[in-house]
Amino acid sequence: MRSKTIEILTNAMKGGYAVGAFNTFNLEMTQGIVRAAHDLNKPCIIQATPSTFRYAGCRVIGKVVRGVIEADSNSNLVGFHLDHGKNLDDIMCAIEEAKMDSVMIDASLMSLRENISMTKRVVDYAHERGVAVQAELGKVPYIGREEQAIDWEELMTNPEEARELVELTGVDALAIGIGNAHGFFQERSEPDWERLARIKELVPNTPLIMHGASDWSREKIQKAIKLGVSCFNIDTDNRVAFVTSICQTVGPKCDVTDPRKILKPARKAVYEKVKEKIEMFNGFEVESKAEPTEQVKYQLSDTEE
């Protein structure tokens, strides 16, 4: 099986760095992400959720993302992934229509046995089609949707169960919970580092994925990488950057009539945020060396040519 996503994750795991998996919803966010990876000459993953399929259309979002990736001369740097697929319909849509390189089956709300069974079905289906699979074990709460009194111990990944799931399913990557949560939050001061180290010890050849780390500091990010995390999912940060830019551009009078004047600076805001995250995951300052190809020389400023 040759999946661009698993190649990116495996290289990160072996190289001792991490990659970012950045959610997209539209053309402008996709362009900002791909351009950032191109300019830094660093790999990343673009991902979309089933709700984005419902918003834009599965086949449509697939063509948009693939079109932007393929227009870039460094297209081998970027993988395309389904984030939080919940059922086989999501998986089939991602593989057959959106033509994704990898999929996530999120059966984390099921029992361990049900999770293993569902994940194995997805692995068998996806691997036959050359597509990699990410599973999730442990629950990563959504701050704002959940009750604020969170039992973190109950939610976190059991290391021995992680080994069992990986061995019985043949999954390619594993999303884990060690005290992380979707959205910005101040609920838990420190992740469970000992748990992370134990998980990596038991599944040493499986890339570990961290959801819900948008508000993590550079120090936390670097510690997680040293202990075995190979990928961080980034959604909230990019949403905030994109929407904040739009609000600032439109202003209270809302007298902008050209949508491009609103979307160009929003695209640039995502570009800058993704560059910041890629640099953080690599652990050092990175200067742009690659020149954009003609296809990706889209304007990132808020002014017309």
C-alpha atoms as a PDB file:
ATOM      1  CA  MET A   1       0.000   0.000   0.000  1.00  0.00           C
ATOM      2  CA  ARG A   2       1.336   3.412  -0.995  1.00  0.00           C
ATOM      3  CA  SER A   3      -0.482   6.244   0.749  1.00  0.00           C
ATOM      4  CA  LYS A   4       0.965   9.736   0.665  1.00  0.00           C
ATOM      5  CA  THR A   5      -0.371  10.451   4.142  1.00  0.00           C
ATOM      6  CA  ILE A   6       1.179   7.410   5.805  1.00  0.00           C
ATOM      7  CA  GLU A   7       4.470   8.132   4.046  1.00  0.00           C
ATOM      8  CA  ILE A   8       4.411  11.662   5.507  1.00  0.00           C
ATOM      9  CA  LEU A   9       3.560  10.339   8.984  1.00  0.00           C
ATOM     10  CA  THR A  10       6.145   7.558   8.889  1.00  0.00           C
ATOM     11  CA  ASN A  11       8.879   9.967   7.834  1.00  0.00           C
ATOM     12  CA  ALA A  12       7.931  12.274  10.708  1.00  0.00           C
ATOM     13  CA  MET A  13       7.956   9.400  13.198  1.00  0.00           C
ATOM     14  CA  LYS A  14      11.369   8.200  12.051  1.00  0.00           C
ATOM     15  CA  GLY A  15      12.758  11.732  11.776  1.00  0.00           C
ATOM     16  CA  GLY A  16      11.745  12.854  15.256  1.00  0.00           C
ATOM     17  CA  TYR A  17       9.538  15.738  14.144  1.00  0.00           C
ATOM     18  CA  ALA A  18       5.798  16.216  13.683  1.00  0.00           C
ATOM     19  CA  VAL A  19       3.549  17.365  10.871  1.00  0.00           C
ATOM     20  CA  GLY A  20       0.376  19.410  10.995  1.00  0.00           C
ATOM     21  CA  ALA A  21      -2.975  18.140   9.758  1.00  0.00           C
ATOM     22  CA  PHE A  22      -4.969  21.265   8.916  1.00  0.00           C
ATOM     23  CA  ASN A  23      -8.721  21.324   8.392  1.00  0.00           C
ATOM     24  CA  THR A  24     -10.136  23.102   5.379  1.00  0.00           C
ATOM     25  CA  PHE A  25     -13.635  24.205   4.435  1.00  0.00           C
ATOM     26  CA  ASN A  26     -13.149  26.032   1.151  1.00  0.00           C
ATOM     27  CA  LEU A  27     -10.799  27.118  -1.626  1.00  0.00           C
ATOM     28  CA  GLU A  28      -9.131  29.976   0.247  1.00  0.00           C
ATOM     29  CA  MET A  29      -8.233  27.949   3.332  1.00  0.00           C
ATOM     30  CA  THR A  30      -6.847  25.196   1.111  1.00  0.00           C
ATOM     31  CA  GLN A  31      -4.698  27.667  -0.825  1.00  0.00           C
ATOM     32  CA  GLY A  32      -3.348  29.178   2.382  1.00  0.00           C
ATOM     33  CA  ILE A  33      -2.365  25.763   3.740  1.00  0.00           C
ATOM     34  CA  VAL A  34      -0.728  24.485   0.551  1.00  0.00           C
ATOM     35  CA  ARG A  35       1.140  27.739  -0.043  1.00  0.00           C
ATOM     36  CA  ALA A  36       2.557  27.664   3.503  1.00  0.00           C
ATOM     37  CA  ALA A  37       3.827  24.104   3.062  1.00  0.00           C
ATOM     38  CA  HIS A  38       5.292  25.035  -0.323  1.00  0.00           C
ATOM     39  CA  ASP A  39       7.090  28.141   0.899  1.00  0.00           C
ATOM     40  CA  LEU A  40       8.614  26.303   3.861  1.00  0.00           C
ATOM     41  CA  ASN A  41       9.295  23.172   1.801  1.00  0.00           C
ATOM     42  CA  LYS A  42       7.804  21.094   4.610  1.00  0.00           C
ATOM     43  CA  PRO A  43       5.159  18.341   4.523  1.00  0.00           C
ATOM     44  CA  CYS A  44       1.651  18.686   5.896  1.00  0.00           C
ATOM     45  CA  ILE A  45      -1.772  17.100   5.653  1.00  0.00           C
ATOM     46  CA  ILE A  46      -5.012  18.776   4.572  1.00  0.00           C
ATOM     47  CA  GLN A  47      -8.141  17.249   6.009  1.00  0.00           C
ATOM     48  CA  ALA A  48     -11.881  17.642   5.730  1.00  0.00           C
ATOM     49  CA  THR A  49     -14.701  16.339   7.892  1.00  0.00           C
ATOM     50  CA  PRO A  50     -18.029  14.761   6.948  1.00  0.00           C
ATOM     51  CA  SER A  51     -19.714  18.051   7.909  1.00  0.00           C
ATOM     52  CA  THR A  52     -17.587  19.765   5.260  1.00  0.00           C
ATOM     53  CA  PHE A  53     -18.790  17.158   2.763  1.00  0.00           C
ATOM     54  CA  ARG A  54     -22.350  18.120   3.674  1.00  0.00           C
ATOM     55  CA  TYR A  55     -21.501  21.818   3.374  1.00  0.00           C
ATOM     56  CA  ALA A  56     -19.672  21.760   0.034  1.00  0.00           C
ATOM     57  CA  GLY A  57     -20.301  18.310  -1.422  1.00  0.00           C
ATOM     58  CA  CYS A  58     -17.955  15.359  -1.086  1.00  0.00           C
ATOM     59  CA  ARG A  59     -16.879  15.238  -4.721  1.00  0.00           C
ATOM     60  CA  VAL A  60     -16.628  19.038  -4.903  1.00  0.00           C
ATOM     61  CA  ILE A  61     -14.382  19.489  -1.871  1.00  0.00           C
ATOM     62  CA  GLY A  62     -12.279  16.606  -3.154  1.00  0.00           C
ATOM     63  CA  LYS A  63     -11.762  18.294  -6.512  1.00  0.00           C
ATOM     64  CA  VAL A  64     -11.014  21.667  -4.893  1.00  0.00           C
ATOM     65  CA  VAL A  65      -8.377  20.284  -2.539  1.00  0.00           C
ATOM     66  CA  ARG A  66      -6.796  17.983  -5.101  1.00  0.00           C
ATOM     67  CA  GLY A  67      -6.766  20.775  -7.668  1.00  0.00           C
ATOM     68  CA  VAL A  68      -4.863  23.106  -5.346  1.00  0.00           C
ATOM     69  CA  ILE A  69      -2.430  20.365  -4.309  1.00  0.00           C
ATOM     70  CA  GLU A  70      -1.765  19.238  -7.872  1.00  0.00           C
ATOM     71  CA  ALA A  71      -1.162  22.818  -9.054  1.00  0.00           C
ATOM     72  CA  ASP A  72       1.825  23.007  -6.702  1.00  0.00           C
ATOM     73  CA  SER A  73       5.216  21.763  -7.892  1.00  0.00           C
ATOM     74  CA  ASN A  74       5.787  20.420  -4.352  1.00  0.00           C
ATOM     75  CA  SER A  75       2.542  18.437  -4.400  1.00  0.00           C
ATOM     76  CA  ASN A  76       4.276  15.392  -2.932  1.00  0.00           C
ATOM     77  CA  LEU A  77       4.532  17.335   0.350  1.00  0.00           C
ATOM     78  CA  VAL A  78       0.780  17.376   1.009  1.00  0.00           C
ATOM     79  CA  GLY A  79      -1.528  14.487   1.899  1.00  0.00           C
ATOM     80  CA  PHE A  80      -5.335  14.552   1.846  1.00  0.00           C
ATOM     81  CA  HIS A  81      -7.205  13.016   4.778  1.00  0.00           C
ATOM     82  CA  LEU A  82     -10.708  12.425   6.155  1.00  0.00           C
ATOM     83  CA  ASP A  83     -11.010  13.738   9.708  1.00  0.00           C
ATOM     84  CA  HIS A  84     -13.478  12.093  12.122  1.00  0.00           C
ATOM     85  CA  GLY A  85     -15.303   9.732   9.809  1.00  0.00           C
ATOM     86  CA  LYS A  86     -18.061   8.135  11.855  1.00  0.00           C
ATOM     87  CA  ASN A  87     -19.390   5.345   9.649  1.00  0.00           C
ATOM     88  CA  LEU A  88     -18.799   3.395   6.458  1.00  0.00           C
ATOM     89  CA  ASP A  89     -20.743   5.925   4.377  1.00  0.00           C
ATOM     90  CA  ASP A  90     -18.258   8.634   5.401  1.00  0.00           C
ATOM     91  CA  ILE A  91     -15.357   6.326   4.569  1.00  0.00           C
ATOM     92  CA  MET A  92     -16.723   5.348   1.160  1.00  0.00           C
ATOM     93  CA  CYS A  93     -17.447   8.976   0.275  1.00  0.00           C
ATOM     94  CA  ALA A  94     -13.894   9.999   1.189  1.00  0.00           C
ATOM     95  CA  ILE A  95     -12.261   7.182  -0.757  1.00  0.00           C
ATOM     96  CA  GLU A  96     -14.507   6.788  -3.787  1.00  0.00           C
ATOM     97  CA  GLU A  97     -15.591  10.392  -4.382  1.00  0.00           C
ATOM     98  CA  ALA A  98     -13.124  12.754  -2.690  1.00  0.00           C
ATOM     99  CA  LYS A  99     -10.160  10.482  -3.583  1.00  0.00           C
ATOM    100  CA  MET A 100      -8.449  10.952  -0.229  1.00  0.00           C
ATOM    101  CA  ASP A 101      -5.094   9.393   0.644  1.00  0.00           C
ATOM    102  CA  SER A 102      -6.198   8.348   4.128  1.00  0.00           C
ATOM    103  CA  VAL A 103      -9.262   8.207   6.339  1.00  0.00           C
ATOM    104  CA  MET A 104     -10.015   8.356  10.040  1.00  0.00           C
ATOM    105  CA  ILE A 105     -12.621   6.092  11.554  1.00  0.00           C
ATOM    106  CA  ASP A 106     -13.642   7.623  14.860  1.00  0.00           C
ATOM    107  CA  ALA A 107     -15.268   4.822  16.835  1.00  0.00           C
ATOM    108  CA  SER A 108     -14.005   6.207  20.131  1.00  0.00           C
ATOM    109  CA  LEU A 109     -17.496   6.425  21.640  1.00  0.00           C
ATOM    110  CA  MET A 110     -17.968   2.682  21.159  1.00  0.00           C
ATOM    111  CA  SER A 111     -16.774  -0.050  23.478  1.00  0.00           C
ATOM    112  CA  LEU A 112     -13.280  -1.405  22.843  1.00  0.00           C
ATOM    113  CA  ARG A 113     -14.649  -4.511  21.094  1.00  0.00           C
ATOM    114  CA  GLU A 114     -16.980  -2.467  18.904  1.00  0.00           C
ATOM    115  CA  ASN A 115     -14.175  -0.029  18.113  1.00  0.00           C
ATOM    116  CA  ILE A 116     -11.882  -2.873  17.069  1.00  0.00           C
ATOM    117  CA  SER A 117     -14.598  -4.455  14.926  1.00  0.00           C
ATOM    118  CA  MET A 118     -15.504  -1.207  13.153  1.00  0.00           C
ATOM    119  CA  THR A 119     -11.879  -0.208  12.655  1.00  0.00           C
ATOM    120  CA  LYS A 120     -11.013  -3.635  11.203  1.00  0.00           C
ATOM    121  CA  ARG A 121     -13.847  -3.354   8.673  1.00  0.00           C
ATOM    122  CA  VAL A 122     -12.595   0.054   7.581  1.00  0.00           C
ATOM    123  CA  VAL A 123      -8.969  -1.118   7.403  1.00  0.00           C
ATOM    124  CA  ASP A 124      -9.918  -4.073   5.192  1.00  0.00           C
ATOM    125  CA  TYR A 125     -11.955  -1.848   2.871  1.00  0.00           C
ATOM    126  CA  ALA A 126      -9.427   0.993   2.697  1.00  0.00           C
ATOM    127  CA  HIS A 127      -6.263  -1.070   2.354  1.00  0.00           C
ATOM    128  CA  GLU A 128      -7.719  -2.890  -0.653  1.00  0.00           C
ATOM    129  CA  ARG A 129      -7.880   0.546  -2.290  1.00  0.00           C
ATOM    130  CA  GLY A 130      -4.441   1.771  -1.223  1.00  0.00           C
ATOM    131  CA  VAL A 131      -5.797   4.105   1.451  1.00  0.00           C
ATOM    132  CA  ALA A 132      -4.352   4.374   4.975  1.00  0.00           C
ATOM    133  CA  VAL A 133      -6.490   4.383   8.127  1.00  0.00           C
ATOM    134  CA  GLN A 134      -6.304   6.292  11.400  1.00  0.00           C
ATOM    135  CA  ALA A 135      -8.259   5.025  14.399  1.00  0.00           C
ATOM    136  CA  GLU A 136      -9.045   6.741  17.693  1.00  0.00           C
ATOM    137  CA  LEU A 137      -8.915   5.226  21.165  1.00  0.00           C
ATOM    138  CA  GLY A 138      -9.797   7.326  24.168  1.00  0.00           C
ATOM    139  CA  LYS A 139     -12.131  10.277  24.008  1.00  0.00           C
ATOM    140  CA  VAL A 140     -11.076  13.827  23.158  1.00  0.00           C
ATOM    141  CA  PRO A 141     -13.870  16.062  24.520  1.00  0.00           C
ATOM    142  CA  TYR A 142     -15.270  19.129  22.805  1.00  0.00           C
ATOM    143  CA  ILE A 143     -14.996  22.011  25.240  1.00  0.00           C
ATOM    144  CA  GLY A 144     -18.237  23.975  25.145  1.00  0.00           C
ATOM    145  CA  ARG A 145     -20.282  20.943  24.128  1.00  0.00           C
ATOM    146  CA  GLU A 146     -19.392  18.754  27.109  1.00  0.00           C
ATOM    147  CA  GLU A 147     -20.194  19.283  30.747  1.00  0.00           C
ATOM    148  CA  GLN A 148     -17.436  21.380  32.262  1.00  0.00           C
ATOM    149  CA  ALA A 149     -16.697  18.849  35.028  1.00  0.00           C
ATOM    150  CA  ILE A 150     -14.621  16.463  32.914  1.00  0.00           C
ATOM    151  CA  ASP A 151     -13.375  13.123  34.231  1.00  0.00           C
ATOM    152  CA  TRP A 152     -10.057  13.162  32.383  1.00  0.00           C
ATOM    153  CA  GLU A 153      -8.929   9.771  33.645  1.00  0.00           C
ATOM    154  CA  GLU A 154     -12.036   8.140  32.219  1.00  0.00           C
ATOM    155  CA  LEU A 155     -11.468   9.734  28.814  1.00  0.00           C
ATOM    156  CA  MET A 156      -7.780   9.024  28.306  1.00  0.00           C
ATOM    157  CA  THR A 157      -6.331   6.228  26.174  1.00  0.00           C
ATOM    158  CA  ASN A 158      -5.490   2.964  27.927  1.00  0.00           C
ATOM    159  CA  PRO A 159      -1.994   1.987  26.680  1.00  0.00           C
ATOM    160  CA  GLU A 160      -2.640  -1.773  26.786  1.00  0.00           C
ATOM    161  CA  GLU A 161      -5.893  -1.326  24.875  1.00  0.00           C
ATOM    162  CA  ALA A 162      -4.027   0.768  22.305  1.00  0.00           C
ATOM    163  CA  ARG A 163      -1.644  -2.111  21.653  1.00  0.00           C
ATOM    164  CA  GLU A 164      -4.548  -4.542  21.353  1.00  0.00           C
ATOM    165  CA  LEU A 165      -6.399  -2.351  18.871  1.00  0.00           C
ATOM    166  CA  VAL A 166      -3.325  -1.816  16.703  1.00  0.00           C
ATOM    167  CA  GLU A 167      -2.425  -5.505  16.678  1.00  0.00           C
ATOM    168  CA  LEU A 168      -5.946  -6.739  15.900  1.00  0.00           C
ATOM    169  CA  THR A 169      -6.840  -4.188  13.222  1.00  0.00           C
ATOM    170  CA  GLY A 170      -3.595  -3.389  11.395  1.00  0.00           C
ATOM    171  CA  VAL A 171      -4.466   0.305  11.572  1.00  0.00           C
ATOM    172  CA  ASP A 172      -1.824   2.700  10.207  1.00  0.00           C
ATOM    173  CA  ALA A 173      -2.051   5.542  12.755  1.00  0.00           C
ATOM    174  CA  LEU A 174      -3.712   6.117  16.115  1.00  0.00           C
ATOM    175  CA  ALA A 175      -5.321   9.208  17.618  1.00  0.00           C
ATOM    176  CA  ILE A 176      -4.988   9.244  21.391  1.00  0.00           C
ATOM    177  CA  GLY A 177      -6.257  11.096  24.443  1.00  0.00           C
ATOM    178  CA  ILE A 178      -3.866  12.198  27.190  1.00  0.00           C
ATOM    179  CA  GLY A 179      -5.780  15.210  28.518  1.00  0.00           C
ATOM    180  CA  ASN A 180      -6.201  17.053  25.225  1.00  0.00           C
ATOM    181  CA  ALA A 181      -9.510  18.597  24.119  1.00  0.00           C
ATOM    182  CA  HIS A 182     -11.004  20.172  21.014  1.00  0.00           C
ATOM    183  CA  GLY A 183     -11.213  23.957  21.179  1.00  0.00           C
ATOM    184  CA  PHE A 184      -9.395  26.433  23.416  1.00  0.00           C
ATOM    185  CA  PHE A 185      -9.518  25.496  27.072  1.00  0.00           C
ATOM    186  CA  GLN A 186      -7.846  25.916  30.443  1.00  0.00           C
ATOM    187  CA  GLU A 187      -9.302  22.845  32.111  1.00  0.00           C
ATOM    188  CA  ARG A 188      -6.211  20.672  32.522  1.00  0.00           C
ATOM    189  CA  SER A 189      -2.804  22.203  33.197  1.00  0.00           C
ATOM    190  CA  GLU A 190      -0.646  19.323  31.928  1.00  0.00           C
ATOM    191  CA  PRO A 191      -1.167  16.340  29.646  1.00  0.00           C
ATOM    192  CA  ASP A 192      -0.462  12.886  31.062  1.00  0.00           C
ATOM    193  CA  TRP A 193       3.097  12.546  29.771  1.00  0.00           C
ATOM    194  CA  GLU A 194       3.704   9.164  31.412  1.00  0.00           C
ATOM    195  CA  ARG A 195       0.673   7.764  29.626  1.00  0.00           C
ATOM    196  CA  LEU A 196       1.933   9.077  26.290  1.00  0.00           C
ATOM    197  CA  ALA A 197       5.354   7.491  26.827  1.00  0.00           C
ATOM    198  CA  ARG A 198       3.737   4.162  27.722  1.00  0.00           C
ATOM    199  CA  ILE A 199       1.495   4.209  24.648  1.00  0.00           C
ATOM    200  CA  LYS A 200       4.492   4.838  22.408  1.00  0.00           C
ATOM    201  CA  GLU A 201       6.412   2.057  24.127  1.00  0.00           C
ATOM    202  CA  LEU A 202       3.634  -0.423  23.352  1.00  0.00           C
ATOM    203  CA  VAL A 203       2.978   0.721  19.744  1.00  0.00           C
ATOM    204  CA  PRO A 204       6.446   1.908  18.671  1.00  0.00           C
ATOM    205  CA  ASN A 205       5.834   1.567  14.934  1.00  0.00           C
ATOM    206  CA  THR A 206       2.490   3.360  14.806  1.00  0.00           C
ATOM    207  CA  PRO A 207       2.356   7.141  14.266  1.00  0.00           C
ATOM    208  CA  LEU A 208       0.478   8.807  17.123  1.00  0.00           C
ATOM    209  CA  ILE A 209      -1.924  11.637  16.318  1.00  0.00           C
ATOM    210  CA  MET A 210      -2.838  14.455  18.695  1.00  0.00           C
ATOM    211  CA  HIS A 211      -6.244  16.079  18.288  1.00  0.00           C
ATOM    212  CA  GLY A 212      -7.213  19.104  20.334  1.00  0.00           C
ATOM    213  CA  ALA A 213      -3.832  20.784  20.743  1.00  0.00           C
ATOM    214  CA  SER A 214      -4.632  24.163  19.188  1.00  0.00           C
ATOM    215  CA  ASP A 215      -3.818  26.084  22.351  1.00  0.00           C
ATOM    216  CA  TRP A 216      -0.716  24.119  23.326  1.00  0.00           C
ATOM    217  CA  SER A 217       2.491  26.041  23.939  1.00  0.00           C
ATOM    218  CA  ARG A 218       5.694  25.445  22.008  1.00  0.00           C
ATOM    219  CA  GLU A 219       7.111  23.676  25.067  1.00  0.00           C
ATOM    220  CA  LYS A 220       4.205  21.236  25.261  1.00  0.00           C
ATOM    221  CA  ILE A 221       4.381  20.586  21.535  1.00  0.00           C
ATOM    222  CA  GLN A 222       8.089  19.802  21.663  1.00  0.00           C
ATOM    223  CA  LYS A 223       7.710  17.528  24.689  1.00  0.00           C
ATOM    224  CA  ALA A 224       4.910  15.605  22.981  1.00  0.00           C
ATOM    225  CA  ILE A 225       7.069  15.133  19.881  1.00  0.00           C
ATOM    226  CA  LYS A 226       9.979  13.830  21.962  1.00  0.00           C
ATOM    227  CA  LEU A 227       7.627  11.332  23.603  1.00  0.00           C
ATOM    228  CA  GLY A 228       6.296  10.040  20.289  1.00  0.00           C
ATOM    229  CA  VAL A 229       3.604  12.261  18.745  1.00  0.00           C
ATOM    230  CA  SER A 230       4.001  12.479  14.957  1.00  0.00           C
ATOM    231  CA  CYS A 231       1.059  14.687  13.970  1.00  0.00           C
ATOM    232  CA  PHE A 232      -1.038  17.490  15.456  1.00  0.00           C
ATOM    233  CA  ASN A 233      -4.518  18.249  14.133  1.00  0.00           C
ATOM    234  CA  ILE A 234      -5.162  21.975  13.798  1.00  0.00           C
ATOM    235  CA  ASP A 235      -8.682  23.296  13.267  1.00  0.00           C
ATOM    236  CA  THR A 236      -9.686  25.902  15.860  1.00  0.00           C
ATOM    237  CA  ASP A 237      -6.605  28.074  15.293  1.00  0.00           C
ATOM    238  CA  ASN A 238      -7.261  28.342  11.560  1.00  0.00           C
ATOM    239  CA  ARG A 239     -10.969  28.988  12.033  1.00  0.00           C
ATOM    240  CA  VAL A 240     -10.224  31.847  14.404  1.00  0.00           C
ATOM    241  CA  ALA A 241      -7.601  33.326  12.060  1.00  0.00           C
ATOM    242  CA  PHE A 242      -9.924  33.114   9.047  1.00  0.00           C
ATOM    243  CA  VAL A 243     -13.049  34.503  10.723  1.00  0.00           C
ATOM    244  CA  THR A 244     -11.193  37.223  12.650  1.00  0.00           C
ATOM    245  CA  SER A 245      -9.682  38.480   9.410  1.00  0.00           C
ATOM    246  CA  ILE A 246     -13.102  38.599   7.754  1.00  0.00           C
ATOM    247  CA  CYS A 247     -14.589  40.539  10.679  1.00  0.00           C
ATOM    248  CA  GLN A 248     -11.724  43.024  10.610  1.00  0.00           C
ATOM    249  CA  THR A 249     -11.986  43.524   6.853  1.00  0.00           C
ATOM    250  CA  VAL A 250     -15.749  43.932   6.758  1.00  0.00           C
ATOM    251  CA  GLY A 251     -15.928  46.199   9.809  1.00  0.00           C
ATOM    252  CA  PRO A 252     -19.116  47.549  11.396  1.00  0.00           C
ATOM    253  CA  LYS A 253     -20.258  49.367   8.243  1.00  0.00           C
ATOM    254  CA  CYS A 254     -19.948  46.308   6.013  1.00  0.00           C
ATOM    255  CA  ASP A 255     -19.365  48.430   2.908  1.00  0.00           C
ATOM    256  CA  VAL A 256     -17.162  45.911   1.062  1.00  0.00           C
ATOM    257  CA  THR A 257     -18.864  44.637  -2.079  1.00  0.00           C
ATOM    258  CA  ASP A 258     -16.037  42.617  -3.656  1.00  0.00           C
ATOM    259  CA  PRO A 259     -15.832  39.201  -1.910  1.00  0.00           C
ATOM    260  CA  ARG A 260     -12.189  38.885  -2.942  1.00  0.00           C
ATOM    261  CA  LYS A 261     -11.284  41.867  -0.776  1.00  0.00           C
ATOM    262  CA  ILE A 262     -12.685  39.937   2.177  1.00  0.00           C
ATOM    263  CA  LEU A 263     -11.323  36.501   1.331  1.00  0.00           C
ATOM    264  CA  LYS A 264      -7.776  37.445   0.294  1.00  0.00           C
ATOM    265  CA  PRO A 265      -6.687  38.682   3.723  1.00  0.00           C
ATOM    266  CA  ALA A 266      -8.498  35.725   5.318  1.00  0.00           C
ATOM    267  CA  ARG A 267      -6.503  33.386   3.092  1.00  0.00           C
ATOM    268  CA  LYS A 268      -3.316  35.153   4.116  1.00  0.00           C
ATOM    269  CA  ALA A 269      -4.258  34.856   7.802  1.00  0.00           C
ATOM    270  CA  VAL A 270      -4.535  31.081   7.412  1.00  0.00           C
ATOM    271  CA  TYR A 271      -1.239  31.022   5.515  1.00  0.00           C
ATOM    272  CA  GLU A 272       0.539  32.827   8.360  1.00  0.00           C
ATOM    273  CA  LYS A 273      -1.019  30.615  11.029  1.00  0.00           C
ATOM    274  CA  VAL A 274      -0.073  27.428   9.181  1.00  0.00           C
ATOM    275  CA  LYS A 275       3.501  28.656   8.709  1.00  0.00           C
ATOM    276  CA  GLU A 276       3.692  29.349  12.439  1.00  0.00           C
ATOM    277  CA  LYS A 277       2.457  25.848  13.278  1.00  0.00           C
ATOM    278  CA  ILE A 278       4.735  24.077  10.792  1.00  0.00           C
ATOM    279  CA  GLU A 279       7.718  25.922  12.236  1.00  0.00           C
ATOM    280  CA  MET A 280       6.660  24.927  15.748  1.00  0.00           C
ATOM    281  CA  PHE A 281       6.284  21.259  14.816  1.00  0.00           C
ATOM    282  CA  ASN A 282       9.756  21.249  13.274  1.00  0.00           C
ATOM    283  CA  GLY A 283      11.236  22.865  16.382  1.00  0.00           C
ATOM    284  CA  PHE A 284      13.125  25.693  14.734  1.00  0.00           C
ATOM    285  CA  GLU A 285      12.681  28.834  12.678  1.00  0.00           C
ATOM    286  CA  VAL A 286      12.256  28.062   8.995  1.00  0.00           C
ATOM    287  CA  GLU A 287      12.913  30.578   6.236  1.00  0.00           C
ATOM    288  CA  SER A 288      11.159  30.389   2.915  1.00  0.00           C
ATOM    289  CA  LYS A 289      13.477  29.132   0.178  1.00  0.00           C
ATOM    290  CA  ALA A 290      11.162  27.727  -2.469  1.00  0.00           C
ATOM    291  CA  GLU A 291       9.841  30.058  -5.140  1.00  0.00           C
ATOM    292  CA  PRO A 292       6.142  29.650  -5.927  1.00  0.00           C
ATOM    293  CA  THR A 293       5.330  28.146  -9.302  1.00  0.00           C
ATOM    294  CA  GLU A 294       3.171  30.118 -11.710  1.00  0.00           C
ATOM    295  CA  GLN A 295       0.169  28.020 -10.673  1.00  0.00           C
ATOM    296  CA  VAL A 296       0.481  28.889  -6.983  1.00  0.00           C
ATOM    297  CA  LYS A 297       1.398  32.577  -7.359  1.00  0.00           C
ATOM    298  CA  TYR A 298      -2.044  33.596  -6.168  1.00  0.00           C
ATOM    299  CA  GLN A 299      -2.075  36.855  -4.324  1.00  0.00           C
ATOM    300  CA  LEU A 300      -1.959  36.663  -0.533  1.00  0.00           C
ATOM    301  CA  SER A 301      -2.445  40.358   0.197  1.00  0.00           C
ATOM    302  CA  ASP A 302      -5.710  42.250   0.507  1.00  0.00           C
ATOM    303  CA  THR A 303      -5.070  44.527  -2.460  1.00  0.00           C
ATOM    304  CA  GLU A 304      -5.864  44.072  -6.115  1.00  0.00           C
ATOM    305  CA  GLU A 305      -3.140  43.607  -8.709  1.00  0.00           C
END
